[in-house]
Amino acid sequence: MCGIWALFGSDDCLSVQCLSAMKIAHRGPDAFRFENVNGYTNCCFGFHRLAVVDPLFGMQPIRVKKYPYLWLCYNGEIYNYKKMQRHFEFEYQTNVDGEIILHLYDKGGIEQTICMLDGVFAFVLLDTANKKVFLGRDTYGVRPLFKAMTEDGFLAVCSEAKGLVTLKHSTTPFLKVEPFLPGHYEVLDLKPNGKVASVEMVKYHHCRDEPLHALYDNVDKLFPGFEIETVKNNLRILFNNAVKKRLMTDRRIGCLLSGGLDSSLVAATLLKQLKEAQVQYPLQTFAIGMEGSPDLLAARKVANHIGSEHYEVLFNSEEGIQALDEVIFSLETYDITTVRASVGMYLISKYIRKNTDNVVIFSGEGSDELTQGYIYFHKAPSPEEAEEESERLLRELYLFDVLRADRTTAAHGLELRVPFLDHRFSSYYLSLPPEMRTPKNGIEKHLLRETFEESNLIPKEILWRPKEAFSDGITSVKNSWFKILQEYVEHQVDDAMMANAAQKFPFNTPKTKEGYYYRQIFERHYPGRADWLSHYWMPKWINATDPSARTLTHYKSAAKA
């Protein structure tokens, strides 16, 4: 996890422009480099480093003697770089995983390169010999990337939007900044004056499709067919492999543990893999909540079962409310459910950074979207519509859960790893017949639970624990986090302000006082940037007015049971 920043064709003083790059310094607390491009005085790279692999030669932009015309700035981890190196007999100059991008590009061009990368990434690749610039982002947008481009060819890219919003350019007083789409790469021509022109934007991978790099990995051979035992066996193989490949780091690994199904499976599998890899330190797991939180109790059970060194972080409603401003600034969104769920994750990341030496943090993000874990999936009209909704949620992860997971951890210089969004695991899961993936017997994620039924990885009551919204599980059932927030904003936003909401915020007009309050904070930090969020996250197939799972009738009946 690092922070990347690059400009092409800037007509303002670079030493002034580069101050914008310091807005993402939190992403790379270990080192910083600012480098001009030879022969292009108005082009430059900025890089904030979190040293996770190769502490000696890992600075960027990466340049190697063999390809003096290539410049690479990337944020991410390429888990199959050693396999690719061995298979194609590439000669490496560093131990940095990202160096594989240079060798693959030289061998087969950008399309072949990006399809071969098993990992999470956002990159800028400059080829001065062929006068090209390439931008690319992983399938689910686990690593963030934003870009701004003007009609006269000035291009700016950055890991977070906050590194671009204050940039100056002569042709426009307001630089349009937008997220770069996951699963895409863009080809741009580099002109002699340093400016660029977009040639094509290509969608290179759909989450349903088995990735091209699967041809070269060493996963145990999967068994054909959709017989239930075969499927469960294949899922276990792929999930184990998804966790194992993510052990790649020179820094200490920890794990977030909410006590829900997803984080518990990740923590248990991770601990098993660390033991097999003979890692010398104990796995530390971290849970956050208020007094009486169901998450804390559940996480404690899991930690005792798997034998992790467990830490509980307590916070009160005042601390949570006080964090809202810095959380919204870090997130760059005003989406209600994202803000709610981010407070706990932001505070626990702050604790980990301050009190431990864990840098690489595993988590269960992506499972709810992939395995139809949200409670509203019980209301899906058909397995096919549930499948469609699952894929929509995966496509939009970069606006919601993946955004939350990245920004709340990156704000404190931590790197998040999410095995449920592994290319092989997720594409196989999505290839299963739609009826296999729907909730069964009133229980969501039934297939995933069934897969690990006999493994004794986690306690049975956790394996079959119903879905708990993260933003609510951190508080007690009697007084949930969303109610605490709504009671607070009731005194911050009056009825007159709400009556004027459509005039003040014509785009994505907030319908509740809580939404209005978050939007106010967002507009203070990022005025006029509301279009970064295309729509609010909201459950489907029900007339929901609030995204909290605790407002759904299915949840209420489950809680009474």
Protein backbone atom coordinates (compact mmCIF):
# COMPACT_ATOMS: atom_id res chain seq x y z
CA MET A 1 0.00 0.00 0.00
CA CYS A 2 1.54 3.26 -1.16
CA GLY A 3 0.52 6.60 -2.60
CA ILE A 4 1.13 7.38 -6.26
CA TRP A 5 0.84 10.74 -7.99
CA ALA A 6 1.82 11.84 -11.50
CA LEU A 7 1.42 14.84 -13.78
CA PHE A 8 1.79 15.07 -17.57
CA GLY A 9 1.77 18.39 -19.41
CA SER A 10 1.51 20.69 -16.39
CA ASP A 11 1.67 24.39 -17.30
CA ASP A 12 2.17 25.49 -13.70
CA CYS A 13 5.34 25.42 -11.62
CA LEU A 14 6.00 21.78 -10.66
CA SER A 15 7.51 22.69 -7.30
CA VAL A 16 4.16 24.32 -6.43
CA GLN A 17 2.04 21.54 -7.96
CA CYS A 18 3.94 18.85 -6.04
CA LEU A 19 2.58 20.24 -2.76
CA SER A 20 -0.65 18.47 -3.75
CA ALA A 21 1.19 15.16 -3.61
CA MET A 22 1.78 15.70 0.12
CA LYS A 23 -1.98 15.36 0.70
CA ILE A 24 -1.57 11.57 0.42
CA ALA A 25 1.56 11.25 2.59
CA HIS A 26 -0.35 9.01 5.04
CA ARG A 27 -0.38 6.23 2.41
CA GLY A 28 3.40 5.91 2.52
CA PRO A 29 4.96 6.96 5.82
CA ASP A 30 8.33 5.28 5.13
CA ALA A 31 9.74 7.40 2.28
CA PHE A 32 8.89 10.00 -0.38
CA ARG A 33 10.30 10.70 -3.83
CA PHE A 34 9.50 13.36 -6.40
CA GLU A 35 11.05 12.78 -9.84
CA ASN A 36 10.96 14.67 -13.14
CA VAL A 37 10.86 12.81 -16.44
CA ASN A 38 13.97 13.21 -18.62
CA GLY A 39 13.21 15.35 -21.65
CA TYR A 40 9.77 16.38 -20.38
CA THR A 41 10.15 19.26 -17.96
CA ASN A 42 6.40 19.43 -17.28
CA CYS A 43 5.98 15.73 -16.41
CA CYS A 44 6.74 14.19 -13.04
CA PHE A 45 6.04 11.39 -10.58
CA GLY A 46 5.46 11.58 -6.84
CA PHE A 47 5.57 8.51 -4.61
CA HIS A 48 4.88 7.88 -0.92
CA ARG A 49 6.21 4.50 0.16
CA LEU A 50 5.01 1.98 2.68
CA ALA A 51 7.87 -0.55 2.59
CA VAL A 52 6.18 -3.96 2.49
CA VAL A 53 8.62 -5.81 0.18
CA ASP A 54 12.27 -5.14 -0.76
CA PRO A 55 13.17 -2.34 1.68
CA LEU A 56 16.43 -1.67 -0.22
CA PHE A 57 15.35 -1.25 -3.85
CA GLY A 58 11.64 -0.64 -3.56
CA MET A 59 11.49 3.09 -4.22
CA GLN A 60 9.50 4.36 -7.19
CA PRO A 61 9.15 5.25 -9.97
CA ILE A 62 10.67 1.85 -10.75
CA ARG A 63 13.26 1.96 -13.51
CA VAL A 64 15.59 -0.85 -14.53
CA LYS A 65 18.75 -0.82 -16.68
CA LYS A 66 17.25 -3.12 -19.29
CA TYR A 67 14.38 -0.69 -20.06
CA PRO A 68 15.70 2.86 -19.50
CA TYR A 69 12.66 4.26 -21.36
CA LEU A 70 10.09 2.76 -18.95
CA TRP A 71 8.87 4.47 -15.77
CA LEU A 72 6.47 2.73 -13.43
CA CYS A 73 4.60 4.11 -10.44
CA TYR A 74 2.22 1.61 -8.89
CA ASN A 75 0.34 0.91 -5.69
CA GLY A 76 -0.49 -2.71 -4.95
CA GLU A 77 0.77 -6.25 -4.66
CA ILE A 78 1.33 -8.66 -7.54
CA TYR A 79 1.15 -12.06 -5.86
CA ASN A 80 2.29 -14.14 -8.85
CA TYR A 81 5.41 -12.12 -9.74
CA LYS A 82 7.83 -14.93 -8.83
CA LYS A 83 5.83 -17.51 -10.80
CA MET A 84 5.81 -15.20 -13.83
CA GLN A 85 9.53 -14.54 -13.44
CA ARG A 86 10.32 -18.26 -13.38
CA HIS A 87 7.92 -19.16 -16.18
CA PHE A 88 9.21 -16.53 -18.62
CA GLU A 89 12.80 -16.57 -17.27
CA PHE A 90 12.86 -12.83 -16.69
CA GLU A 91 16.02 -11.35 -15.16
CA TYR A 92 15.01 -9.19 -12.21
CA GLN A 93 17.00 -6.22 -11.00
CA THR A 94 15.09 -5.79 -7.72
CA ASN A 95 12.96 -7.89 -5.38
CA VAL A 96 9.94 -5.66 -5.96
CA ASP A 97 6.81 -7.46 -7.13
CA GLY A 98 5.86 -4.59 -9.44
CA GLU A 99 8.98 -5.03 -11.57
CA ILE A 100 7.07 -7.85 -13.32
CA ILE A 101 4.92 -5.17 -15.02
CA LEU A 102 7.98 -3.83 -16.91
CA HIS A 103 9.06 -7.29 -18.12
CA LEU A 104 5.58 -8.40 -19.15
CA TYR A 105 4.97 -5.11 -20.97
CA ASP A 106 8.23 -5.42 -22.90
CA LYS A 107 7.34 -8.99 -23.82
CA GLY A 108 3.72 -8.65 -24.90
CA GLY A 109 2.31 -5.12 -24.56
CA ILE A 110 -0.17 -3.65 -22.10
CA GLU A 111 -3.17 -5.99 -22.63
CA GLN A 112 -1.12 -9.16 -22.07
CA THR A 113 0.56 -7.51 -19.08
CA ILE A 114 -2.51 -6.46 -17.15
CA CYS A 115 -4.35 -9.76 -17.70
CA MET A 116 -1.38 -11.66 -16.25
CA LEU A 117 -1.32 -9.77 -12.94
CA ASP A 118 -2.71 -11.75 -10.03
CA GLY A 119 -3.14 -9.14 -7.35
CA VAL A 120 -4.46 -5.70 -6.52
CA PHE A 121 -3.01 -2.65 -8.23
CA ALA A 122 -3.31 0.83 -9.63
CA PHE A 123 -0.49 1.99 -11.87
CA VAL A 124 0.90 4.62 -14.21
CA LEU A 125 3.34 3.26 -16.80
CA LEU A 126 5.27 5.66 -19.03
CA ASP A 127 7.02 4.46 -22.20
CA THR A 128 9.13 7.35 -23.53
CA ALA A 129 10.44 5.24 -26.45
CA ASN A 130 6.95 4.68 -27.88
CA LYS A 131 5.52 7.94 -26.48
CA LYS A 132 2.75 6.22 -24.51
CA VAL A 133 1.22 6.53 -21.04
CA PHE A 134 -0.84 3.66 -19.58
CA LEU A 135 -3.17 3.70 -16.57
CA GLY A 136 -4.54 0.50 -15.06
CA ARG A 137 -6.59 -0.69 -12.09
CA ASP A 138 -7.44 -4.12 -10.68
CA THR A 139 -10.75 -5.90 -11.27
CA TYR A 140 -12.54 -4.75 -8.11
CA GLY A 141 -10.68 -1.49 -7.51
CA VAL A 142 -9.15 -2.75 -4.25
CA ARG A 143 -6.42 -0.18 -4.84
CA PRO A 144 -7.72 3.33 -5.56
CA LEU A 145 -6.93 5.57 -8.51
CA PHE A 146 -8.27 8.99 -9.52
CA LYS A 147 -7.57 11.04 -12.60
CA ALA A 148 -8.11 14.54 -13.91
CA MET A 149 -7.69 15.42 -17.57
CA THR A 150 -8.28 18.67 -19.43
CA GLU A 151 -9.27 19.21 -23.06
CA ASP A 152 -5.81 20.53 -23.89
CA GLY A 153 -4.14 17.30 -22.66
CA PHE A 154 -3.03 17.96 -19.09
CA LEU A 155 -3.27 14.69 -17.13
CA ALA A 156 -3.01 14.21 -13.38
CA VAL A 157 -3.42 10.92 -11.52
CA CYS A 158 -3.36 10.08 -7.84
CA SER A 159 -4.24 7.32 -5.36
CA GLU A 160 -6.75 9.62 -3.67
CA ALA A 161 -8.79 12.51 -5.01
CA LYS A 162 -7.48 14.85 -2.31
CA GLY A 163 -4.10 14.86 -4.10
CA LEU A 164 -5.68 16.38 -7.23
CA VAL A 165 -8.40 18.82 -6.15
CA THR A 166 -6.06 21.76 -5.45
CA LEU A 167 -4.03 21.43 -8.68
CA LYS A 168 -3.95 24.48 -10.95
CA HIS A 169 -4.24 24.56 -14.72
CA SER A 170 -4.51 27.56 -17.03
CA THR A 171 -7.48 26.38 -19.10
CA THR A 172 -9.82 25.54 -16.24
CA PRO A 173 -10.52 27.08 -12.83
CA PHE A 174 -12.12 23.82 -11.63
CA LEU A 175 -10.32 20.60 -12.48
CA LYS A 176 -12.76 17.70 -12.94
CA VAL A 177 -11.53 14.76 -10.84
CA GLU A 178 -13.06 11.30 -11.20
CA PRO A 179 -12.33 7.73 -10.12
CA PHE A 180 -10.56 5.55 -12.66
CA LEU A 181 -12.80 2.55 -13.39
CA PRO A 182 -11.77 -0.83 -11.92
CA GLY A 183 -11.05 -3.65 -14.37
CA HIS A 184 -9.93 -1.16 -17.04
CA TYR A 185 -6.77 0.18 -18.57
CA GLU A 186 -6.32 3.33 -20.63
CA VAL A 187 -3.83 4.03 -23.41
CA LEU A 188 -2.74 7.64 -23.99
CA ASP A 189 -0.38 9.19 -26.53
CA LEU A 190 2.40 11.34 -25.07
CA LYS A 191 3.04 14.44 -27.17
CA PRO A 192 6.41 16.25 -27.47
CA ASN A 193 5.09 19.06 -25.22
CA GLY A 194 4.36 16.56 -22.40
CA LYS A 195 0.60 16.67 -22.86
CA VAL A 196 -1.43 13.54 -23.62
CA ALA A 197 -4.36 12.39 -25.74
CA SER A 198 -6.53 9.41 -24.83
CA VAL A 199 -6.43 6.63 -27.44
CA GLU A 200 -8.63 3.96 -25.85
CA MET A 201 -10.19 2.82 -22.59
CA VAL A 202 -10.40 -0.98 -22.36
CA LYS A 203 -12.32 -3.26 -19.98
CA TYR A 204 -9.86 -6.12 -19.68
CA HIS A 205 -11.56 -8.41 -17.15
CA HIS A 206 -15.08 -9.25 -16.01
CA CYS A 207 -15.35 -10.68 -12.51
CA ARG A 208 -17.19 -13.77 -13.85
CA ASP A 209 -14.37 -14.74 -16.20
CA GLU A 210 -11.49 -16.90 -15.06
CA PRO A 211 -8.43 -14.64 -15.24
CA LEU A 212 -5.74 -15.33 -17.85
CA HIS A 213 -3.08 -15.74 -15.14
CA ALA A 214 -4.92 -18.86 -13.90
CA LEU A 215 -3.08 -20.77 -16.65
CA TYR A 216 0.18 -20.20 -14.81
CA ASP A 217 -0.67 -20.69 -11.14
CA ASN A 218 -0.04 -23.80 -9.09
CA VAL A 219 -3.41 -24.22 -7.37
CA ASP A 220 -4.35 -27.87 -6.82
CA LYS A 221 -6.35 -29.10 -9.78
CA LEU A 222 -10.02 -28.28 -9.34
CA PHE A 223 -12.59 -31.04 -9.80
CA PRO A 224 -15.15 -30.59 -12.62
CA GLY A 225 -18.92 -30.45 -12.15
CA PHE A 226 -21.34 -28.85 -9.71
CA GLU A 227 -22.00 -31.72 -7.33
CA ILE A 228 -22.15 -30.13 -3.85
CA GLU A 229 -19.16 -31.98 -2.33
CA THR A 230 -17.05 -31.16 -5.41
CA VAL A 231 -17.96 -27.48 -5.18
CA LYS A 232 -17.22 -27.30 -1.45
CA ASN A 233 -13.85 -28.97 -1.98
CA ASN A 234 -12.94 -26.56 -4.78
CA LEU A 235 -13.98 -23.55 -2.69
CA ARG A 236 -11.80 -24.69 0.23
CA ILE A 237 -8.80 -25.16 -2.09
CA LEU A 238 -9.24 -21.72 -3.66
CA PHE A 239 -9.87 -19.90 -0.37
CA ASN A 240 -6.81 -21.46 1.26
CA ASN A 241 -4.77 -20.42 -1.75
CA ALA A 242 -6.23 -16.89 -1.67
CA VAL A 243 -5.01 -16.44 1.91
CA LYS A 244 -1.67 -18.18 1.35
CA LYS A 245 -0.56 -16.03 -1.60
CA ARG A 246 -1.31 -12.89 0.44
CA LEU A 247 1.34 -13.74 3.04
CA MET A 248 3.84 -12.02 0.72
CA THR A 249 5.46 -9.30 2.88
CA ASP A 250 8.51 -8.38 4.94
CA ARG A 251 6.30 -6.71 7.58
CA ARG A 252 4.16 -8.09 10.40
CA ILE A 253 0.70 -9.41 9.51
CA GLY A 254 -2.41 -8.82 11.67
CA CYS A 255 -6.12 -9.40 11.13
CA LEU A 256 -9.37 -7.53 11.77
CA LEU A 257 -11.87 -9.79 13.53
CA SER A 258 -15.47 -8.65 13.94
CA GLY A 259 -16.71 -12.09 14.98
CA GLY A 260 -18.83 -12.36 11.84
CA LEU A 261 -18.52 -15.24 9.40
CA ASP A 262 -16.21 -13.55 6.89
CA SER A 263 -13.52 -12.08 9.15
CA SER A 264 -13.59 -15.25 11.28
CA LEU A 265 -12.91 -17.50 8.27
CA VAL A 266 -10.11 -15.18 7.16
CA ALA A 267 -8.52 -15.05 10.64
CA ALA A 268 -8.71 -18.82 11.17
CA THR A 269 -7.29 -19.64 7.73
CA LEU A 270 -4.61 -16.97 8.09
CA LEU A 271 -3.44 -18.33 11.43
CA LYS A 272 -3.25 -21.84 9.96
CA GLN A 273 -1.24 -20.56 6.97
CA LEU A 274 1.15 -18.54 9.15
CA LYS A 275 1.89 -21.67 11.21
CA GLU A 276 2.53 -23.69 8.04
CA ALA A 277 4.87 -20.94 6.81
CA GLN A 278 6.64 -21.16 10.21
CA VAL A 279 6.23 -17.45 10.88
CA GLN A 280 7.83 -16.75 14.25
CA TYR A 281 5.34 -14.27 15.71
CA PRO A 282 1.80 -14.93 17.00
CA LEU A 283 -1.12 -13.64 14.92
CA GLN A 284 -2.68 -10.59 16.54
CA THR A 285 -6.41 -10.09 15.91
CA PHE A 286 -8.32 -6.87 16.55
CA ALA A 287 -11.98 -6.20 17.35
CA ILE A 288 -13.70 -2.89 18.06
CA GLY A 289 -16.97 -2.04 19.75
CA MET A 290 -18.82 -0.24 22.49
CA GLU A 291 -19.72 -1.85 25.81
CA GLY A 292 -22.20 -4.69 25.22
CA SER A 293 -21.30 -5.05 21.55
CA PRO A 294 -22.26 -8.42 20.01
CA ASP A 295 -19.18 -8.18 17.76
CA LEU A 296 -16.80 -8.06 20.73
CA LEU A 297 -18.33 -11.16 22.31
CA ALA A 298 -18.33 -13.10 19.03
CA ALA A 299 -14.76 -12.06 18.16
CA ARG A 300 -13.58 -13.18 21.62
CA LYS A 301 -15.10 -16.64 21.00
CA VAL A 302 -13.34 -16.94 17.65
CA ALA A 303 -9.98 -15.73 19.00
CA ASN A 304 -10.17 -18.27 21.84
CA HIS A 305 -11.05 -21.03 19.37
CA ILE A 306 -8.23 -20.30 16.90
CA GLY A 307 -5.65 -19.21 19.50
CA SER A 308 -4.81 -15.71 18.27
CA GLU A 309 -3.38 -12.95 20.45
CA HIS A 310 -6.54 -10.90 20.65
CA TYR A 311 -7.06 -7.17 21.30
CA GLU A 312 -10.34 -5.42 21.99
CA VAL A 313 -10.65 -1.71 21.29
CA LEU A 314 -13.46 0.05 23.13
CA PHE A 315 -14.87 3.38 22.05
CA ASN A 316 -17.84 5.46 23.17
CA SER A 317 -20.45 7.37 21.17
CA GLU A 318 -18.68 10.69 21.76
CA GLU A 319 -15.40 9.40 20.29
CA GLY A 320 -17.28 7.98 17.32
CA ILE A 321 -19.10 11.24 16.64
CA GLN A 322 -15.90 13.28 17.05
CA ALA A 323 -14.21 11.12 14.40
CA LEU A 324 -16.86 11.83 11.72
CA ASP A 325 -15.13 14.87 10.24
CA GLU A 326 -11.73 13.21 9.74
CA VAL A 327 -13.43 10.00 8.57
CA ILE A 328 -15.37 11.80 5.82
CA PHE A 329 -12.22 13.69 4.82
CA SER A 330 -10.32 10.38 4.54
CA LEU A 331 -13.14 8.58 2.69
CA GLU A 332 -13.92 11.28 0.11
CA THR A 333 -17.59 10.23 0.19
CA TYR A 334 -20.81 11.14 1.97
CA ASP A 335 -22.59 7.81 1.45
CA ILE A 336 -24.52 7.10 4.65
CA THR A 337 -23.79 3.41 5.17
CA THR A 338 -20.13 3.87 4.20
CA VAL A 339 -19.62 6.67 6.72
CA ARG A 340 -21.34 4.72 9.49
CA ALA A 341 -19.31 1.58 8.91
CA SER A 342 -16.05 3.52 8.53
CA VAL A 343 -15.92 5.03 12.00
CA GLY A 344 -15.15 1.74 13.76
CA MET A 345 -12.66 0.70 11.09
CA TYR A 346 -10.93 4.09 11.20
CA LEU A 347 -10.59 3.98 15.00
CA ILE A 348 -9.31 0.41 15.08
CA SER A 349 -6.74 1.20 12.35
CA LYS A 350 -5.60 4.18 14.41
CA TYR A 351 -5.16 1.88 17.43
CA ILE A 352 -3.19 -0.73 15.42
CA ARG A 353 -0.82 1.89 14.01
CA LYS A 354 -0.21 3.52 17.37
CA ASN A 355 0.09 0.45 19.60
CA THR A 356 1.46 -2.41 17.49
CA ASP A 357 3.98 -3.17 14.75
CA ASN A 358 1.39 -4.76 12.43
CA VAL A 359 1.42 -3.16 8.98
CA VAL A 360 -0.29 -5.69 6.70
CA ILE A 361 -3.89 -6.27 7.81
CA PHE A 362 -6.21 -9.03 6.58
CA SER A 363 -9.96 -8.48 6.47
CA GLY A 364 -13.21 -10.06 5.21
CA GLU A 365 -14.34 -7.38 2.73
CA GLY A 366 -16.01 -8.47 -0.50
CA SER A 367 -17.68 -11.59 0.83
CA ASP A 368 -21.15 -10.05 1.28
CA GLU A 369 -21.21 -8.89 -2.34
CA LEU A 370 -19.75 -12.14 -3.70
CA THR A 371 -21.70 -14.65 -1.61
CA GLN A 372 -25.02 -12.73 -1.39
CA GLY A 373 -24.55 -12.01 2.30
CA TYR A 374 -26.78 -8.97 2.69
CA ILE A 375 -30.05 -9.67 4.43
CA TYR A 376 -32.11 -8.22 1.58
CA PHE A 377 -31.02 -11.14 -0.64
CA HIS A 378 -33.73 -13.15 1.16
CA LYS A 379 -36.21 -11.02 -0.82
CA ALA A 380 -34.67 -11.68 -4.25
CA PRO A 381 -37.45 -12.58 -6.75
CA SER A 382 -35.28 -15.29 -8.38
CA PRO A 383 -31.76 -16.80 -8.23
CA GLU A 384 -30.99 -15.07 -11.54
CA GLU A 385 -31.93 -11.64 -10.18
CA ALA A 386 -29.89 -12.35 -7.05
CA GLU A 387 -26.93 -13.21 -9.28
CA GLU A 388 -27.36 -9.97 -11.22
CA GLU A 389 -27.51 -7.97 -8.00
CA SER A 390 -24.41 -9.70 -6.63
CA GLU A 391 -22.44 -8.75 -9.76
CA ARG A 392 -23.72 -5.17 -9.59
CA LEU A 393 -22.51 -4.91 -5.99
CA LEU A 394 -19.11 -6.29 -7.00
CA ARG A 395 -18.86 -3.74 -9.83
CA GLU A 396 -19.63 -0.94 -7.38
CA LEU A 397 -17.37 -2.09 -4.54
CA TYR A 398 -14.91 0.68 -5.39
CA LEU A 399 -17.56 3.26 -4.42
CA PHE A 400 -18.52 1.61 -1.14
CA ASP A 401 -16.98 -1.23 0.92
CA VAL A 402 -13.63 -1.40 -0.84
CA LEU A 403 -13.35 2.39 -0.66
CA ARG A 404 -14.08 2.26 3.09
CA ALA A 405 -11.60 -0.54 3.70
CA ASP A 406 -8.80 1.17 1.79
CA ARG A 407 -9.18 4.72 3.09
CA THR A 408 -9.74 3.91 6.77
CA THR A 409 -6.63 1.72 6.91
CA ALA A 410 -4.47 3.81 4.54
CA ALA A 411 -5.22 6.90 6.64
CA HIS A 412 -3.02 5.26 9.29
CA GLY A 413 -0.36 3.80 7.00
CA LEU A 414 -1.70 0.22 7.02
CA GLU A 415 -2.08 -2.10 4.04
CA LEU A 416 -5.29 -4.10 3.74
CA ARG A 417 -5.52 -7.55 2.14
CA VAL A 418 -8.87 -9.05 1.16
CA PRO A 419 -8.78 -12.76 0.20
CA PHE A 420 -12.50 -12.99 -0.64
CA LEU A 421 -11.81 -10.77 -3.67
CA ASP A 422 -9.13 -13.10 -4.98
CA HIS A 423 -9.55 -13.45 -8.77
CA ARG A 424 -9.59 -17.26 -8.80
CA PHE A 425 -11.89 -17.65 -5.77
CA SER A 426 -14.39 -15.02 -6.86
CA SER A 427 -14.58 -16.06 -10.53
CA TYR A 428 -15.15 -19.69 -9.51
CA TYR A 429 -17.86 -18.71 -7.02
CA LEU A 430 -19.61 -16.63 -9.70
CA SER A 431 -19.43 -19.54 -12.16
CA LEU A 432 -21.62 -21.73 -9.91
CA PRO A 433 -25.30 -22.20 -10.79
CA PRO A 434 -27.32 -19.22 -9.47
CA GLU A 435 -29.58 -21.40 -7.27
CA MET A 436 -26.52 -22.74 -5.39
CA ARG A 437 -25.57 -19.25 -4.21
CA THR A 438 -28.88 -17.96 -2.82
CA PRO A 439 -29.86 -17.93 0.89
CA LYS A 440 -31.27 -21.28 2.08
CA ASN A 441 -33.49 -22.11 5.06
CA GLY A 442 -33.61 -18.44 6.01
CA ILE A 443 -29.79 -18.24 6.20
CA GLU A 444 -27.70 -16.08 3.88
CA LYS A 445 -24.29 -17.30 2.57
CA HIS A 446 -25.49 -20.84 3.08
CA LEU A 447 -23.04 -22.34 0.58
CA LEU A 448 -20.04 -20.61 2.18
CA ARG A 449 -21.08 -21.77 5.66
CA GLU A 450 -21.70 -25.31 4.42
CA THR A 451 -18.26 -25.36 2.78
CA PHE A 452 -16.51 -25.00 6.14
CA GLU A 453 -19.04 -27.00 8.20
CA GLU A 454 -16.72 -29.98 8.80
CA SER A 455 -13.46 -28.05 9.08
CA ASN A 456 -13.69 -26.95 12.74
CA LEU A 457 -11.95 -23.74 11.62
CA ILE A 458 -14.30 -21.57 13.67
CA PRO A 459 -16.95 -22.28 16.35
CA LYS A 460 -20.25 -23.65 14.97
CA GLU A 461 -22.32 -20.80 16.44
CA ILE A 462 -20.10 -18.30 14.59
CA LEU A 463 -20.20 -20.30 11.37
CA TRP A 464 -24.00 -20.04 11.43
CA ARG A 465 -24.21 -16.56 13.03
CA PRO A 466 -26.68 -14.39 11.05
CA LYS A 467 -25.45 -11.33 9.21
CA GLU A 468 -24.71 -8.32 11.44
CA ALA A 469 -24.16 -4.92 9.83
CA PHE A 470 -20.62 -3.88 10.84
CA SER A 471 -21.76 -0.39 11.78
CA ASP A 472 -24.39 -1.89 14.11
CA GLY A 473 -22.55 -4.93 15.44
CA ILE A 474 -20.04 -2.65 17.16
CA THR A 475 -22.81 -1.35 19.45
CA SER A 476 -25.41 -3.03 21.64
CA VAL A 477 -28.71 -4.26 20.19
CA LYS A 478 -30.64 -1.88 22.46
CA ASN A 479 -28.85 1.22 21.20
CA SER A 480 -27.41 0.73 17.74
CA TRP A 481 -24.82 2.99 16.12
CA PHE A 482 -27.23 4.31 13.51
CA LYS A 483 -29.65 5.37 16.26
CA ILE A 484 -26.85 7.09 18.21
CA LEU A 485 -25.89 8.99 15.04
CA GLN A 486 -29.45 9.94 14.23
CA GLU A 487 -30.05 11.24 17.75
CA TYR A 488 -26.91 13.38 17.48
CA VAL A 489 -27.68 14.88 14.06
CA GLU A 490 -31.25 15.66 15.15
CA HIS A 491 -29.70 18.55 17.09
CA GLN A 492 -27.31 19.57 14.28
CA VAL A 493 -29.74 19.76 11.35
CA ASP A 494 -33.11 21.48 11.74
CA ASP A 495 -36.31 21.09 9.72
CA ALA A 496 -35.72 24.34 7.83
CA MET A 497 -32.39 23.05 6.54
CA MET A 498 -34.06 19.84 5.40
CA ALA A 499 -36.83 21.80 3.65
CA ASN A 500 -34.12 23.60 1.66
CA ALA A 501 -32.05 20.44 1.00
CA ALA A 502 -33.05 20.04 -2.67
CA GLN A 503 -32.07 23.62 -3.42
CA LYS A 504 -28.76 23.42 -1.58
CA PHE A 505 -27.87 19.92 -2.80
CA PRO A 506 -29.70 19.31 -6.12
CA PHE A 507 -27.53 16.25 -6.90
CA ASN A 508 -28.02 13.22 -4.59
CA THR A 509 -30.28 15.32 -2.37
CA PRO A 510 -30.09 13.97 1.21
CA LYS A 511 -33.44 12.58 2.39
CA THR A 512 -32.54 12.38 6.09
CA LYS A 513 -30.87 14.66 8.62
CA GLU A 514 -28.02 12.19 8.97
CA GLY A 515 -27.42 12.29 5.21
CA TYR A 516 -27.60 16.09 5.28
CA TYR A 517 -25.05 16.28 8.09
CA TYR A 518 -22.53 14.05 6.25
CA ARG A 519 -23.04 16.00 3.03
CA GLN A 520 -22.29 19.27 4.83
CA ILE A 521 -18.98 17.91 6.10
CA PHE A 522 -18.14 16.51 2.66
CA GLU A 523 -18.89 19.81 0.89
CA ARG A 524 -16.69 21.66 3.39
CA HIS A 525 -13.72 19.45 2.44
CA TYR A 526 -14.57 18.86 -1.23
CA PRO A 527 -16.88 21.63 -2.48
CA GLY A 528 -18.62 20.85 -5.76
CA ARG A 529 -17.40 17.24 -5.87
CA ALA A 530 -20.67 15.47 -5.00
CA ASP A 531 -20.60 13.54 -8.30
CA TRP A 532 -17.81 11.28 -6.95
CA LEU A 533 -20.74 9.31 -5.52
CA SER A 534 -23.19 8.32 -8.27
CA HIS A 535 -25.87 7.08 -5.82
CA TYR A 536 -26.37 6.09 -2.21
CA TRP A 537 -25.94 2.47 -1.14
CA MET A 538 -29.40 1.05 -0.35
CA PRO A 539 -30.93 -2.45 -0.06
CA LYS A 540 -32.96 -3.68 -3.04
CA TRP A 541 -36.40 -5.36 -3.41
CA ILE A 542 -37.76 -3.70 -0.25
CA ASN A 543 -39.00 -0.20 0.43
CA ALA A 544 -35.97 0.74 2.53
CA THR A 545 -35.49 4.29 3.73
CA ASP A 546 -32.34 3.45 5.70
CA PRO A 547 -29.41 1.19 4.73
CA SER A 548 -29.01 -0.35 8.22
CA ALA A 549 -29.70 -4.09 8.43
CA ARG A 550 -31.31 -3.44 11.80
CA THR A 551 -34.26 -1.71 10.14
CA LEU A 552 -35.14 -4.78 8.05
CA THR A 553 -37.98 -7.05 9.15
CA HIS A 554 -35.89 -10.17 8.56
CA TYR A 555 -33.28 -8.85 10.99
CA LYS A 556 -35.89 -7.97 13.59
CA SER A 557 -37.47 -11.42 13.50
CA ALA A 558 -34.02 -13.06 13.69
CA ALA A 559 -33.10 -10.88 16.68
CA LYS A 560 -36.27 -11.97 18.52
CA ALA A 561 -35.66 -15.63 17.85
